[in-house]
Amino acid sequence: MIIPEFNPNTWSREAAHTLCRASLDAYRDDCGELIEAESTDTQATVTSDDTDCVLAFRGSTSVTDAKTDARATRGEWNGHSVHEGFVGAYWSIREKIIAALTPRLSHGQRLSITGHSLGGALATIAAWDLAQAGKPGGIYTF
């Protein structure tokens, strides 16, 4: 799963391709550790090797996800305006994500965060939140 180094000032075709594949694999239950919350029908996967760790969020696949997308009222979270549906979905699995990432990142792996559609919105929120929690990572969304 070697992902090229992220440079925040340039786009990497190789990193985008690898993380696009991870975004697609997030829709499968057999790719990495599945993290989910039944109450919000939110899912993400975590995969890792010796150098990299990838957190990939699923996009909309159900009526519950459509309701998350439609809950577009503006809310506040950590001093920022947010889409209440997206932040609520992220918050429903946040603790499980941190529990899955903490042992993996303790060995110096680089964190990459990705997602497609609704998963891209969740990846964006996660990237900001995890950076604030001392777990910064690169992000590609689709």
Protein backbone atom coordinates (compact mmCIF):
# COMPACT_ATOMS: atom_id res chain seq x y z
CA MET A 1 0.00 0.00 0.00
CA ILE A 2 2.98 2.32 -0.24
CA ILE A 3 1.62 5.80 -0.79
CA PRO A 4 3.94 8.48 -2.17
CA GLU A 5 4.89 11.27 0.22
CA PHE A 6 2.31 14.01 0.38
CA ASN A 7 3.39 17.47 -0.67
CA PRO A 8 0.64 19.97 0.21
CA ASN A 9 1.62 22.18 -2.73
CA THR A 10 1.35 19.57 -5.48
CA TRP A 11 -1.05 16.92 -6.67
CA SER A 12 0.25 13.35 -6.95
CA ARG A 13 -1.26 11.02 -9.54
CA GLU A 14 0.15 8.00 -7.69
CA ALA A 15 -1.28 9.04 -4.31
CA ALA A 16 -4.63 9.90 -5.92
CA HIS A 17 -4.78 6.51 -7.65
CA THR A 18 -3.91 4.59 -4.49
CA LEU A 19 -6.42 6.50 -2.38
CA CYS A 20 -9.11 6.27 -5.06
CA ARG A 21 -8.71 2.49 -4.84
CA ALA A 22 -8.95 2.70 -1.03
CA SER A 23 -12.15 4.77 -1.38
CA LEU A 24 -13.61 2.06 -3.62
CA ASP A 25 -12.48 -0.71 -1.26
CA ALA A 26 -14.22 1.07 1.65
CA TYR A 27 -17.52 -0.18 0.18
CA ARG A 28 -16.41 -3.77 0.84
CA ASP A 29 -16.66 -5.41 4.26
CA ASP A 30 -13.51 -7.48 3.75
CA CYS A 31 -10.94 -4.72 3.16
CA GLY A 32 -9.27 -3.74 6.40
CA GLU A 33 -10.88 -3.13 9.75
CA LEU A 34 -14.50 -2.09 9.32
CA ILE A 35 -15.65 0.69 11.63
CA GLU A 36 -19.35 1.43 11.70
CA ALA A 37 -22.24 2.94 13.59
CA GLU A 38 -25.59 1.33 12.92
CA SER A 39 -27.47 4.34 14.30
CA THR A 40 -26.21 6.58 11.48
CA ASP A 41 -25.31 3.84 8.95
CA THR A 42 -21.80 5.34 8.79
CA GLN A 43 -18.84 3.18 7.75
CA ALA A 44 -15.11 3.59 7.35
CA THR A 45 -12.22 1.17 6.93
CA VAL A 46 -8.71 1.29 8.33
CA THR A 47 -5.84 -0.52 6.64
CA SER A 48 -2.15 -0.30 7.39
CA ASP A 49 1.27 -1.72 6.72
CA ASP A 50 4.74 -0.86 8.05
CA THR A 51 4.80 2.62 6.49
CA ASP A 52 1.23 3.73 5.81
CA CYS A 53 -2.20 3.81 7.40
CA VAL A 54 -5.33 4.63 5.38
CA LEU A 55 -8.67 5.74 6.79
CA ALA A 56 -11.32 5.49 4.05
CA PHE A 57 -14.96 6.53 4.41
CA ARG A 58 -17.89 5.08 2.47
CA GLY A 59 -20.24 7.33 0.59
CA SER A 60 -24.03 7.17 0.46
CA THR A 61 -25.44 3.68 0.08
CA SER A 62 -28.75 3.78 1.96
CA VAL A 63 -31.84 5.78 2.83
CA THR A 64 -30.21 6.63 6.17
CA ASP A 65 -27.22 8.08 4.29
CA ALA A 66 -29.58 10.14 2.13
CA LYS A 67 -31.11 11.53 5.32
CA THR A 68 -27.60 12.41 6.54
CA ASP A 69 -26.95 14.23 3.26
CA ALA A 70 -30.28 16.07 3.52
CA ARG A 71 -29.67 17.24 7.11
CA ALA A 72 -27.94 20.27 5.69
CA THR A 73 -28.64 22.73 8.47
CA ARG A 74 -25.64 24.71 9.60
CA GLY A 75 -24.31 23.88 13.01
CA GLU A 76 -21.28 24.78 15.09
CA TRP A 77 -18.48 22.40 15.92
CA ASN A 78 -15.20 23.43 17.53
CA GLY A 79 -15.86 27.05 16.56
CA HIS A 80 -16.55 26.27 12.89
CA SER A 81 -19.73 26.20 10.83
CA VAL A 82 -20.50 22.64 9.77
CA HIS A 83 -23.10 20.58 7.94
CA GLU A 84 -24.95 18.97 10.85
CA GLY A 85 -25.62 15.71 9.01
CA PHE A 86 -21.97 15.20 8.11
CA VAL A 87 -20.55 16.08 11.51
CA GLY A 88 -23.18 13.93 13.24
CA ALA A 89 -22.26 10.94 11.08
CA TYR A 90 -18.55 11.47 11.75
CA TRP A 91 -19.12 11.91 15.48
CA SER A 92 -21.00 8.59 15.59
CA ILE A 93 -17.80 6.68 14.73
CA ARG A 94 -15.10 9.09 15.94
CA GLU A 95 -14.12 7.17 19.08
CA LYS A 96 -13.90 3.89 17.14
CA ILE A 97 -11.68 5.59 14.54
CA ILE A 98 -9.32 6.95 17.17
CA ALA A 99 -9.20 3.53 18.88
CA ALA A 100 -8.32 1.88 15.54
CA LEU A 101 -5.72 4.48 14.52
CA THR A 102 -3.86 4.95 17.81
CA PRO A 103 -1.99 1.61 17.88
CA ARG A 104 -1.28 1.76 14.14
CA LEU A 105 0.15 5.28 14.19
CA SER A 106 2.32 4.62 17.24
CA HIS A 107 4.89 3.00 14.95
CA GLY A 108 5.38 6.08 12.79
CA GLN A 109 3.08 5.19 9.91
CA ARG A 110 1.89 8.05 7.73
CA LEU A 111 -1.87 8.64 7.84
CA SER A 112 -3.85 9.14 4.64
CA ILE A 113 -7.56 9.94 4.75
CA THR A 114 -9.93 9.49 1.84
CA GLY A 115 -13.55 9.05 0.85
CA HIS A 116 -16.04 9.29 -1.97
CA SER A 117 -19.19 11.45 -2.01
CA LEU A 118 -20.56 11.52 1.56
CA GLY A 119 -17.30 9.76 2.48
CA GLY A 120 -15.36 12.73 1.07
CA ALA A 121 -17.22 15.08 3.39
CA LEU A 122 -16.54 12.78 6.35
CA ALA A 123 -12.87 12.50 5.35
CA THR A 124 -12.59 16.29 5.36
CA ILE A 125 -14.05 16.56 8.85
CA ALA A 126 -11.89 13.66 10.06
CA ALA A 127 -8.70 15.20 8.65
CA TRP A 128 -9.29 18.42 10.56
CA ASP A 129 -10.36 16.65 13.75
CA LEU A 130 -7.51 14.13 13.73
CA ALA A 131 -4.96 16.88 13.08
CA GLN A 132 -6.29 18.70 16.15
CA ALA A 133 -5.92 15.43 18.09
CA GLY A 134 -2.25 15.15 17.08
CA LYS A 135 -2.79 12.67 14.25
CA PRO A 136 -2.30 14.78 11.11
CA GLY A 137 -2.65 13.14 7.74
CA GLY A 138 -2.87 13.82 4.03
CA ILE A 139 -6.30 13.84 2.40
CA TYR A 140 -7.66 13.07 -1.06
CA THR A 141 -11.42 13.09 -1.62
CA PHE A 142 -13.45 11.91 -4.57
